[in-house]
Amino acid sequence: MRRHATVLHLDLDAFFAAVEQRDKPSLRGKPVVVGGLGPRGVVSTASYEARVYGVRSAMRTAEARARCPHAAYLGGRFDAYRAASRIVMDRLRELSALVEPMSLDEAFVDLAASDEARDLDPDALHAIAEQVRADVASRTGGLTASVGIGTSKLMAKIASELAKPDGVRVIPPGTEADVLGPMSARAIPGVGPATAERLRRIGVTTVDEVRAVADDDLRSLLGRSSGAALAALARGIDPRPVVAEREAKSVSVEDTFEIDLTDPRVLGDIAERMGRRVAERLARSGLSGRTVTLKVRHHDFETHTRSTTLAGPTDDARVIVRTARSLLSEVDTSGGIRLIGVGMSGLADWVQDDLFSGAPEKHEPVDAPDPDPTVTTAGARARPGGPGGRRWVPGADVVHDEHGPGWVWGSGLGRVTVRFETRLSGPGPVRTLDADDPALRAGTVEA
């Protein structure tokens, strides 16, 4: 346990949805849902206005539409989210050299590495957190953040949760047990539905009740490692350090299909595109990998993975694709496949070249869907849409030669509806155009 509250956790509020509301004036103050838009789509983020109707992240989009049919459902713009995240992380690095991003919208900061914040009292820490929040809002054009400060990662994250939305909470040293005690055991990291059910069966639902259980009993119930970890966390003891760089362990691409697929040739083509996408990501990151993994989810939701470890690390698309196809050939697809994924692990920053492979193959552009539903519209590009022309994804940035910049409201039957407005313009007019209108093209993300 640290003697001082020197760990800060920042969490951007409803991040993806907030970026959309910031950039689309007509959606401000209205329910917005970002995520997969197909029949099997899943909600990534819901604005607070949508949460009032019970819409939550990880909920099926179909259920979200039933609960809140009047919300704006957007595919997402990953480039915009990355740009906003970069601004926030840069601000945190001004505060301390030790910043550990956990995702695009949250990070831990070790204030002990900051001359400005070391060993300050709770009031001074509160003022620093408020300044960070104010700077984030100013630099990102209005995005809000919740900030928590505590003696450990656990307590800092608990504090930011208590501060939501758009607030600050500092948990002073010595008060951890009082704060944690009344909370649900689910508030402790690692206590998911299965663990919570095991605890409930012995009459334990709160953190106070977890602390009342003997450590040996927790280890017997949950296993030696998990039981010991839970006993410590329930007391507010969390020795995990803030790590400035979080090393990537794998690179992968996966997709859930709108209908179950059975044709091995179709699945093989999809696996090939995914393998090429993985190779492109490895090359962009200057990485290579040794273990190729194929993930398959069958029609009954049973999920299996198969993997092969190569003789040496590679980023060669041909090798990855050949291995992925080989792994897929061992799978019975006759019952229908809901999801497949291709990944590479055992990463290294060097490549073991195959001296007999010939000239390297050029990585061709791939349109394989990404595991993150927001990535499929990164760059706000239009995709081939079959007989109806180009397919424009709701939320994507566009520009029209006559009407100027805007974003896709919806599309179908060869038509696309666009609201022409920008972050600074105020709510703009709506126009419906031909999906193949030569004057309409993909737009760019505002800085």
Protein backbone atom coordinates (compact mmCIF):
# COMPACT_ATOMS: atom_id res chain seq x y z
CA MET A 1 0.00 0.00 0.00
CA ARG A 2 1.25 3.49 -0.84
CA ARG A 3 1.37 5.98 1.98
CA HIS A 4 -0.02 8.70 -0.27
CA ALA A 5 -2.77 8.84 -2.89
CA THR A 6 -0.50 9.00 -5.93
CA VAL A 7 -2.29 6.92 -8.56
CA LEU A 8 -4.68 8.75 -10.90
CA HIS A 9 -7.22 7.08 -13.18
CA LEU A 10 -8.88 9.05 -15.99
CA ASP A 11 -11.91 7.69 -17.84
CA LEU A 12 -13.50 9.62 -20.69
CA ASP A 13 -17.28 9.67 -20.32
CA ALA A 14 -19.25 7.66 -22.93
CA PHE A 15 -16.24 8.27 -25.16
CA PHE A 16 -17.24 7.09 -28.64
CA ALA A 17 -20.74 8.52 -28.33
CA ALA A 18 -19.38 11.77 -26.89
CA VAL A 19 -17.06 12.22 -29.87
CA GLU A 20 -20.01 11.71 -32.21
CA GLN A 21 -22.10 14.28 -30.32
CA ARG A 22 -19.20 16.72 -30.36
CA ASP A 23 -18.75 16.40 -34.12
CA LYS A 24 -22.46 16.24 -35.01
CA PRO A 25 -24.27 19.26 -33.56
CA SER A 26 -27.73 17.85 -34.34
CA LEU A 27 -27.05 14.91 -31.99
CA ARG A 28 -26.04 16.90 -28.94
CA GLY A 29 -28.30 16.15 -26.01
CA LYS A 30 -29.91 13.25 -27.87
CA PRO A 31 -29.47 9.48 -27.52
CA VAL A 32 -26.57 8.11 -29.56
CA VAL A 33 -25.46 4.48 -29.85
CA VAL A 34 -22.16 3.44 -31.44
CA GLY A 35 -21.39 -0.14 -32.44
CA GLY A 36 -22.21 -2.91 -34.87
CA LEU A 37 -25.29 -2.18 -36.95
CA GLY A 38 -26.09 -5.62 -38.40
CA PRO A 39 -28.47 -8.24 -36.97
CA ARG A 40 -25.67 -9.58 -34.77
CA GLY A 41 -24.18 -6.20 -33.95
CA VAL A 42 -23.22 -5.28 -30.40
CA VAL A 43 -23.31 -1.88 -28.71
CA SER A 44 -19.84 -0.45 -28.11
CA THR A 45 -20.85 2.78 -26.36
CA ALA A 46 -24.15 4.47 -25.53
CA SER A 47 -24.54 8.13 -24.65
CA TYR A 48 -25.98 8.98 -21.26
CA GLU A 49 -29.20 10.02 -23.00
CA ALA A 50 -29.50 6.47 -24.39
CA ARG A 51 -28.61 4.86 -21.07
CA VAL A 52 -31.76 6.37 -19.58
CA TYR A 53 -33.67 3.86 -21.75
CA GLY A 54 -31.58 0.92 -20.53
CA VAL A 55 -29.10 0.80 -23.42
CA ARG A 56 -25.69 -0.47 -22.30
CA SER A 57 -22.39 -1.48 -23.86
CA ALA A 58 -22.12 -5.14 -24.90
CA MET A 59 -25.89 -5.27 -25.43
CA ARG A 60 -27.08 -6.60 -28.78
CA THR A 61 -27.88 -3.71 -31.08
CA ALA A 62 -31.27 -5.27 -31.88
CA GLU A 63 -32.23 -5.08 -28.19
CA ALA A 64 -30.92 -1.51 -27.98
CA ARG A 65 -33.13 -0.53 -30.94
CA ALA A 66 -36.13 -2.06 -29.20
CA ARG A 67 -35.43 -0.10 -26.02
CA CYS A 68 -34.54 3.18 -27.70
CA PRO A 69 -35.78 3.22 -31.31
CA HIS A 70 -35.35 6.98 -31.66
CA ALA A 71 -31.59 6.95 -30.97
CA ALA A 72 -29.01 7.62 -33.67
CA TYR A 73 -27.25 4.32 -34.42
CA LEU A 74 -23.76 4.89 -35.84
CA GLY A 75 -21.08 2.52 -37.06
CA GLY A 76 -18.30 4.58 -35.54
CA ARG A 77 -15.20 6.47 -36.73
CA PHE A 78 -12.11 4.96 -35.20
CA ASP A 79 -9.79 7.59 -36.66
CA ALA A 80 -11.70 10.31 -34.80
CA TYR A 81 -11.53 8.37 -31.54
CA ARG A 82 -7.79 7.80 -31.91
CA ALA A 83 -7.21 11.50 -32.60
CA ALA A 84 -9.13 12.54 -29.47
CA SER A 85 -7.42 9.88 -27.37
CA ARG A 86 -3.99 11.09 -28.50
CA ILE A 87 -4.77 14.59 -27.24
CA VAL A 88 -5.83 13.25 -23.84
CA MET A 89 -2.83 10.96 -23.43
CA ASP A 90 -0.48 13.78 -24.37
CA ARG A 91 -2.02 15.93 -21.62
CA LEU A 92 -1.54 13.16 -19.07
CA ARG A 93 2.11 12.80 -20.07
CA GLU A 94 2.57 16.47 -19.23
CA LEU A 95 1.56 15.52 -15.70
CA SER A 96 3.82 12.48 -15.28
CA ALA A 97 6.27 10.36 -17.23
CA LEU A 98 4.47 7.22 -16.06
CA VAL A 99 1.19 6.97 -18.01
CA GLU A 100 -0.36 3.58 -18.69
CA PRO A 101 -3.11 3.72 -21.33
CA MET A 102 -5.59 0.88 -20.79
CA SER A 103 -7.63 1.69 -23.89
CA LEU A 104 -8.41 4.72 -26.01
CA ASP A 105 -10.59 6.22 -23.29
CA GLU A 106 -8.84 5.43 -20.01
CA ALA A 107 -5.39 5.50 -18.45
CA PHE A 108 -3.56 5.30 -15.15
CA VAL A 109 -1.02 7.94 -14.13
CA ASP A 110 1.64 7.54 -11.43
CA LEU A 111 1.72 10.91 -9.71
CA ALA A 112 4.71 9.83 -7.64
CA ALA A 113 6.75 10.42 -10.79
CA SER A 114 5.48 14.01 -10.97
CA ASP A 115 7.22 16.81 -9.10
CA GLU A 116 3.96 18.77 -9.28
CA ALA A 117 1.79 16.19 -7.53
CA ARG A 118 4.03 14.13 -5.26
CA ASP A 119 2.84 13.77 -1.64
CA LEU A 120 0.20 16.50 -1.92
CA ASP A 121 -2.84 16.58 0.35
CA PRO A 122 -6.29 15.59 -0.96
CA ASP A 123 -7.36 19.18 -1.66
CA ALA A 124 -4.27 19.86 -3.77
CA LEU A 125 -4.72 16.56 -5.64
CA HIS A 126 -8.35 17.43 -6.27
CA ALA A 127 -7.27 20.75 -7.79
CA ILE A 128 -4.77 18.99 -10.08
CA ALA A 129 -7.45 16.56 -11.24
CA GLU A 130 -9.85 19.41 -11.95
CA GLN A 131 -7.18 21.17 -14.03
CA VAL A 132 -6.60 17.98 -16.04
CA ARG A 133 -10.34 17.69 -16.70
CA ALA A 134 -10.56 21.32 -17.74
CA ASP A 135 -7.61 20.93 -20.11
CA VAL A 136 -9.10 17.77 -21.63
CA ALA A 137 -12.38 19.54 -22.30
CA SER A 138 -10.62 22.56 -23.78
CA ARG A 139 -8.20 20.67 -26.00
CA THR A 140 -10.68 18.07 -27.29
CA GLY A 141 -13.51 20.47 -28.01
CA GLY A 142 -15.73 19.58 -25.07
CA LEU A 143 -15.16 15.94 -24.16
CA THR A 144 -15.64 15.25 -20.46
CA ALA A 145 -13.68 12.93 -18.19
CA SER A 146 -14.08 11.41 -14.75
CA VAL A 147 -10.93 11.34 -12.64
CA GLY A 148 -10.17 9.29 -9.54
CA ILE A 149 -7.10 9.35 -7.30
CA GLY A 150 -6.14 6.74 -4.73
CA THR A 151 -3.32 4.76 -3.18
CA SER A 152 -3.46 2.02 -5.84
CA LYS A 153 -4.82 1.23 -9.28
CA LEU A 154 -7.83 -0.43 -7.68
CA MET A 155 -8.72 2.56 -5.53
CA ALA A 156 -8.05 5.08 -8.32
CA LYS A 157 -10.41 3.22 -10.67
CA ILE A 158 -13.04 2.87 -7.94
CA ALA A 159 -12.70 6.61 -7.35
CA SER A 160 -13.23 7.48 -11.02
CA GLU A 161 -16.32 5.25 -11.11
CA LEU A 162 -17.70 7.10 -8.08
CA ALA A 163 -16.96 10.40 -9.83
CA LYS A 164 -18.95 9.57 -12.98
CA PRO A 165 -19.99 11.37 -14.97
CA ASP A 166 -17.76 14.40 -15.36
CA GLY A 167 -16.39 14.61 -11.84
CA VAL A 168 -13.41 14.10 -9.50
CA ARG A 169 -13.03 11.86 -6.46
CA VAL A 170 -9.96 11.51 -4.24
CA ILE A 171 -9.87 8.60 -1.78
CA PRO A 172 -7.45 9.55 1.01
CA PRO A 173 -5.07 6.95 2.47
CA GLY A 174 -6.62 4.99 5.33
CA THR A 175 -10.20 5.27 4.04
CA GLU A 176 -10.03 2.41 1.52
CA ALA A 177 -11.92 -0.11 3.67
CA ASP A 178 -14.71 2.36 4.41
CA VAL A 179 -15.18 3.12 0.71
CA LEU A 180 -15.00 -0.48 -0.50
CA GLY A 181 -16.96 -2.15 2.28
CA PRO A 182 -20.56 -1.41 1.24
CA MET A 183 -19.86 -1.95 -2.46
CA SER A 184 -20.90 -5.04 -4.39
CA ALA A 185 -18.24 -7.71 -4.69
CA ARG A 186 -18.57 -7.19 -8.46
CA ALA A 187 -16.74 -3.87 -7.99
CA ILE A 188 -13.51 -5.81 -7.46
CA PRO A 189 -11.58 -6.48 -10.70
CA GLY A 190 -11.86 -10.09 -11.76
CA VAL A 191 -15.17 -10.75 -10.01
CA GLY A 192 -17.41 -11.52 -12.96
CA PRO A 193 -20.81 -13.21 -13.06
CA ALA A 194 -19.43 -16.72 -12.42
CA THR A 195 -17.30 -15.69 -9.42
CA ALA A 196 -20.11 -13.52 -8.06
CA GLU A 197 -22.47 -16.51 -8.22
CA ARG A 198 -20.01 -18.70 -6.32
CA LEU A 199 -19.73 -16.04 -3.65
CA ARG A 200 -23.50 -15.58 -3.50
CA ARG A 201 -23.95 -19.27 -2.80
CA ILE A 202 -22.00 -18.86 0.45
CA GLY A 203 -23.90 -15.71 1.33
CA VAL A 204 -21.33 -13.17 0.15
CA THR A 205 -22.47 -10.22 -1.96
CA THR A 206 -20.54 -7.18 -0.63
CA VAL A 207 -16.85 -6.42 -0.19
CA ASP A 208 -17.33 -6.31 3.58
CA GLU A 209 -18.67 -9.86 3.42
CA VAL A 210 -15.72 -10.95 1.29
CA ARG A 211 -13.36 -9.66 3.97
CA ALA A 212 -15.23 -11.69 6.59
CA VAL A 213 -14.45 -14.96 4.78
CA ALA A 214 -11.23 -16.67 5.85
CA ASP A 215 -8.47 -16.49 3.25
CA ASP A 216 -8.18 -20.29 3.21
CA ASP A 217 -11.89 -20.55 2.45
CA LEU A 218 -11.59 -18.12 -0.45
CA ARG A 219 -8.66 -20.09 -1.87
CA SER A 220 -10.65 -23.30 -1.51
CA LEU A 221 -13.66 -21.75 -3.24
CA LEU A 222 -11.91 -19.91 -6.07
CA GLY A 223 -8.49 -21.52 -6.35
CA ARG A 224 -5.21 -20.61 -4.70
CA SER A 225 -4.25 -17.69 -6.95
CA SER A 226 -7.73 -16.17 -7.47
CA GLY A 227 -8.69 -16.57 -3.83
CA ALA A 228 -5.52 -14.87 -2.59
CA ALA A 229 -5.92 -12.02 -5.09
CA LEU A 230 -9.55 -11.45 -4.07
CA ALA A 231 -8.66 -11.42 -0.37
CA ALA A 232 -6.02 -8.74 -0.97
CA LEU A 233 -8.15 -6.57 -3.26
CA ALA A 234 -11.07 -6.69 -0.82
CA ARG A 235 -8.76 -5.01 1.68
CA GLY A 236 -7.74 -2.37 -0.88
CA ILE A 237 -4.31 -3.95 -1.37
CA ASP A 238 -3.24 -3.74 -4.99
CA PRO A 239 0.52 -3.80 -5.65
CA ARG A 240 0.26 -3.49 -9.45
CA PRO A 241 2.58 -0.72 -10.68
CA VAL A 242 1.75 1.84 -13.34
CA VAL A 243 3.63 0.66 -16.43
CA ALA A 244 4.40 3.28 -19.05
CA GLU A 245 4.43 0.91 -22.01
CA ARG A 246 2.02 -1.99 -22.32
CA GLU A 247 3.51 -4.48 -24.75
CA ALA A 248 1.13 -5.95 -27.32
CA LYS A 249 0.82 -9.72 -26.93
CA SER A 250 -0.98 -10.49 -30.17
CA VAL A 251 -2.43 -9.04 -33.38
CA SER A 252 -5.75 -10.43 -34.56
CA VAL A 253 -8.78 -9.87 -36.76
CA GLU A 254 -12.16 -11.54 -36.35
CA ASP A 255 -15.71 -11.11 -37.58
CA THR A 256 -19.20 -12.34 -36.72
CA PHE A 257 -21.33 -13.09 -39.77
CA GLU A 258 -24.91 -11.96 -40.30
CA ILE A 259 -25.81 -15.51 -41.36
CA ASP A 260 -24.09 -18.80 -40.52
CA LEU A 261 -21.63 -19.77 -43.25
CA THR A 262 -21.06 -23.36 -44.37
CA ASP A 263 -19.16 -23.10 -47.67
CA PRO A 264 -15.48 -23.94 -46.99
CA ARG A 265 -14.42 -21.91 -50.03
CA VAL A 266 -16.13 -18.77 -48.75
CA LEU A 267 -14.71 -19.25 -45.28
CA GLY A 268 -11.28 -19.89 -46.77
CA ASP A 269 -11.44 -16.63 -48.69
CA ILE A 270 -12.42 -14.77 -45.53
CA ALA A 271 -9.58 -16.39 -43.59
CA GLU A 272 -7.19 -15.35 -46.36
CA ARG A 273 -8.31 -11.71 -46.20
CA MET A 274 -7.97 -11.76 -42.43
CA GLY A 275 -4.50 -13.28 -42.66
CA ARG A 276 -3.45 -10.50 -45.03
CA ARG A 277 -4.90 -7.89 -42.68
CA VAL A 278 -2.91 -9.36 -39.79
CA ALA A 279 0.24 -9.25 -41.94
CA GLU A 280 -0.42 -5.58 -42.78
CA ARG A 281 -0.77 -4.69 -39.09
CA LEU A 282 2.39 -6.54 -38.20
CA ALA A 283 4.29 -4.74 -40.96
CA ARG A 284 2.95 -1.31 -39.91
CA SER A 285 4.03 -1.97 -36.31
CA GLY A 286 7.44 -3.35 -37.26
CA LEU A 287 6.55 -6.68 -35.63
CA SER A 288 6.51 -10.33 -36.56
CA GLY A 289 5.03 -13.40 -34.88
CA ARG A 290 5.59 -17.12 -34.50
CA THR A 291 2.16 -18.55 -33.61
CA VAL A 292 -0.79 -18.40 -36.01
CA THR A 293 -4.16 -18.98 -34.35
CA LEU A 294 -7.54 -19.64 -35.96
CA LYS A 295 -10.65 -18.94 -33.87
CA VAL A 296 -13.96 -20.52 -34.93
CA ARG A 297 -17.41 -20.14 -33.37
CA HIS A 298 -19.99 -22.65 -34.53
CA HIS A 299 -23.74 -22.15 -35.00
CA ASP A 300 -24.41 -23.34 -31.42
CA PHE A 301 -21.93 -20.76 -30.02
CA GLU A 302 -19.33 -23.42 -29.22
CA THR A 303 -15.96 -21.78 -29.79
CA HIS A 304 -12.64 -23.46 -30.57
CA THR A 305 -9.15 -22.25 -31.37
CA ARG A 306 -6.43 -24.03 -33.33
CA SER A 307 -2.87 -22.83 -33.59
CA THR A 308 0.45 -23.62 -35.20
CA THR A 309 3.85 -22.35 -34.10
CA LEU A 310 6.27 -21.59 -36.93
CA ALA A 311 9.99 -22.23 -36.96
CA GLY A 312 10.72 -18.52 -36.72
CA PRO A 313 8.90 -15.17 -36.52
CA THR A 314 7.40 -13.80 -39.73
CA ASP A 315 5.17 -11.04 -41.09
CA ASP A 316 4.86 -12.69 -44.51
CA ALA A 317 1.21 -12.67 -45.64
CA ARG A 318 1.71 -15.84 -47.67
CA VAL A 319 2.91 -17.81 -44.66
CA ILE A 320 0.16 -16.52 -42.39
CA VAL A 321 -2.57 -17.14 -44.98
CA ARG A 322 -1.28 -20.62 -45.83
CA THR A 323 -1.20 -21.56 -42.15
CA ALA A 324 -4.66 -20.12 -41.44
CA ARG A 325 -6.17 -21.99 -44.40
CA SER A 326 -4.52 -25.21 -43.24
CA LEU A 327 -5.99 -24.80 -39.76
CA LEU A 328 -9.42 -24.06 -41.25
CA SER A 329 -9.29 -27.23 -43.38
CA GLU A 330 -9.39 -29.24 -40.14
CA VAL A 331 -12.69 -27.65 -39.06
CA ASP A 332 -16.12 -29.18 -39.79
CA THR A 333 -18.11 -26.26 -41.20
CA SER A 334 -21.21 -28.23 -42.24
CA GLY A 335 -23.26 -27.09 -39.24
CA GLY A 336 -22.60 -23.41 -39.92
CA ILE A 337 -19.95 -20.97 -38.69
CA ARG A 338 -20.92 -17.74 -36.89
CA LEU A 339 -17.46 -16.27 -36.43
CA ILE A 340 -13.88 -16.80 -37.49
CA GLY A 341 -10.73 -14.97 -36.56
CA VAL A 342 -7.05 -15.09 -37.43
CA GLY A 343 -4.36 -13.95 -35.06
CA MET A 344 -0.61 -13.91 -34.57
CA SER A 345 1.12 -14.15 -31.19
CA GLY A 346 4.65 -14.72 -29.95
CA LEU A 347 5.49 -11.26 -31.24
CA ALA A 348 9.00 -10.04 -31.91
CA ASP A 349 10.55 -6.97 -33.51
CA TRP A 350 12.54 -9.01 -36.02
CA VAL A 351 11.72 -11.39 -38.88
CA GLN A 352 13.22 -14.78 -39.69
CA ASP A 353 13.29 -14.58 -43.48
CA ASP A 354 12.64 -17.71 -45.50
CA LEU A 355 15.67 -17.82 -47.83
CA PHE A 356 13.76 -19.96 -50.33
CA SER A 357 10.50 -18.01 -50.40
CA GLY A 358 11.45 -15.75 -53.31
CA ALA A 359 10.52 -12.12 -53.59
CA PRO A 360 8.24 -10.80 -50.85
CA GLU A 361 4.59 -10.58 -51.77
CA LYS A 362 3.03 -7.14 -51.86
CA HIS A 363 0.33 -6.70 -49.23
CA GLU A 364 -2.88 -5.92 -51.07
CA PRO A 365 -5.62 -3.77 -49.56
CA VAL A 366 -8.19 -5.85 -47.70
CA ASP A 367 -11.78 -5.11 -46.74
CA ALA A 368 -12.11 -7.86 -44.14
CA PRO A 369 -14.20 -6.66 -41.18
CA ASP A 370 -12.36 -5.76 -38.00
CA PRO A 371 -13.08 -7.21 -34.55
CA ASP A 372 -13.90 -3.73 -33.28
CA PRO A 373 -17.16 -2.60 -34.91
CA THR A 374 -15.90 0.95 -35.00
CA VAL A 375 -12.93 0.05 -37.17
CA THR A 376 -15.03 -1.01 -40.13
CA THR A 377 -15.77 2.63 -40.89
CA ALA A 378 -12.38 4.06 -40.01
CA GLY A 379 -11.53 6.65 -42.58
CA ALA A 380 -15.24 7.02 -43.29
CA ARG A 381 -14.87 5.14 -46.53
CA ALA A 382 -17.68 3.91 -48.72
CA ARG A 383 -17.74 0.24 -49.62
CA PRO A 384 -19.10 -1.62 -52.60
CA GLY A 385 -22.78 -2.14 -51.96
CA GLY A 386 -23.90 -4.42 -54.78
CA PRO A 387 -26.84 -3.48 -56.99
CA GLY A 388 -27.61 -0.39 -54.92
CA GLY A 389 -24.19 1.14 -55.52
CA ARG A 390 -21.72 2.22 -52.85
CA ARG A 391 -22.67 1.44 -49.26
CA TRP A 392 -22.31 4.37 -46.89
CA VAL A 393 -22.13 3.52 -43.18
CA PRO A 394 -24.22 5.68 -40.79
CA GLY A 395 -22.02 8.21 -39.02
CA ALA A 396 -19.28 8.27 -41.66
CA ASP A 397 -17.74 11.62 -42.62
CA VAL A 398 -18.43 12.72 -46.20
CA VAL A 399 -17.91 15.74 -48.43
CA HIS A 400 -20.12 16.88 -51.31
CA ASP A 401 -18.82 19.21 -53.99
CA GLU A 402 -21.91 21.44 -53.72
CA HIS A 403 -23.16 20.99 -50.16
CA GLY A 404 -19.83 20.69 -48.37
CA PRO A 405 -18.90 18.45 -45.42
CA GLY A 406 -21.38 16.33 -43.51
CA TRP A 407 -22.07 12.82 -42.26
CA VAL A 408 -24.14 9.85 -43.32
CA TRP A 409 -27.52 9.64 -41.61
CA GLY A 410 -28.61 6.48 -43.41
CA SER A 411 -28.55 4.67 -46.73
CA GLY A 412 -30.30 1.99 -48.76
CA LEU A 413 -32.04 1.22 -52.06
CA GLY A 414 -29.36 3.12 -53.92
CA ARG A 415 -29.83 6.31 -51.91
CA VAL A 416 -27.88 7.96 -49.12
CA THR A 417 -29.15 10.57 -46.67
CA VAL A 418 -26.58 13.08 -45.44
CA ARG A 419 -26.77 15.79 -42.80
CA PHE A 420 -24.47 18.60 -43.87
CA GLU A 421 -22.96 20.01 -40.69
CA THR A 422 -19.62 20.12 -38.89
CA ARG A 423 -18.46 20.42 -35.32
CA LEU A 424 -18.47 24.22 -35.55
CA SER A 425 -21.36 24.86 -37.94
CA GLY A 426 -24.36 24.10 -35.77
CA PRO A 427 -27.18 21.75 -36.88
CA GLY A 428 -27.29 21.55 -40.67
CA PRO A 429 -29.71 20.60 -43.44
CA VAL A 430 -30.47 17.05 -44.59
CA ARG A 431 -30.23 15.95 -48.21
CA THR A 432 -30.95 12.59 -49.86
CA LEU A 433 -28.69 11.76 -52.79
CA ASP A 434 -27.88 8.89 -55.13
CA ALA A 435 -25.45 6.50 -53.45
CA ASP A 436 -23.32 6.75 -56.59
CA ASP A 437 -23.41 10.56 -56.75
CA PRO A 438 -19.98 11.42 -58.21
CA ALA A 439 -19.90 14.63 -56.18
CA LEU A 440 -20.06 12.70 -52.90
CA ARG A 441 -16.90 11.25 -51.40
CA ALA A 442 -15.45 10.14 -48.08
CA GLY A 443 -14.47 12.96 -45.77
CA THR A 444 -11.61 13.38 -43.33
CA VAL A 445 -11.55 13.52 -39.56
CA GLU A 446 -11.22 16.99 -38.03
CA ALA A 447 -8.16 17.50 -35.86
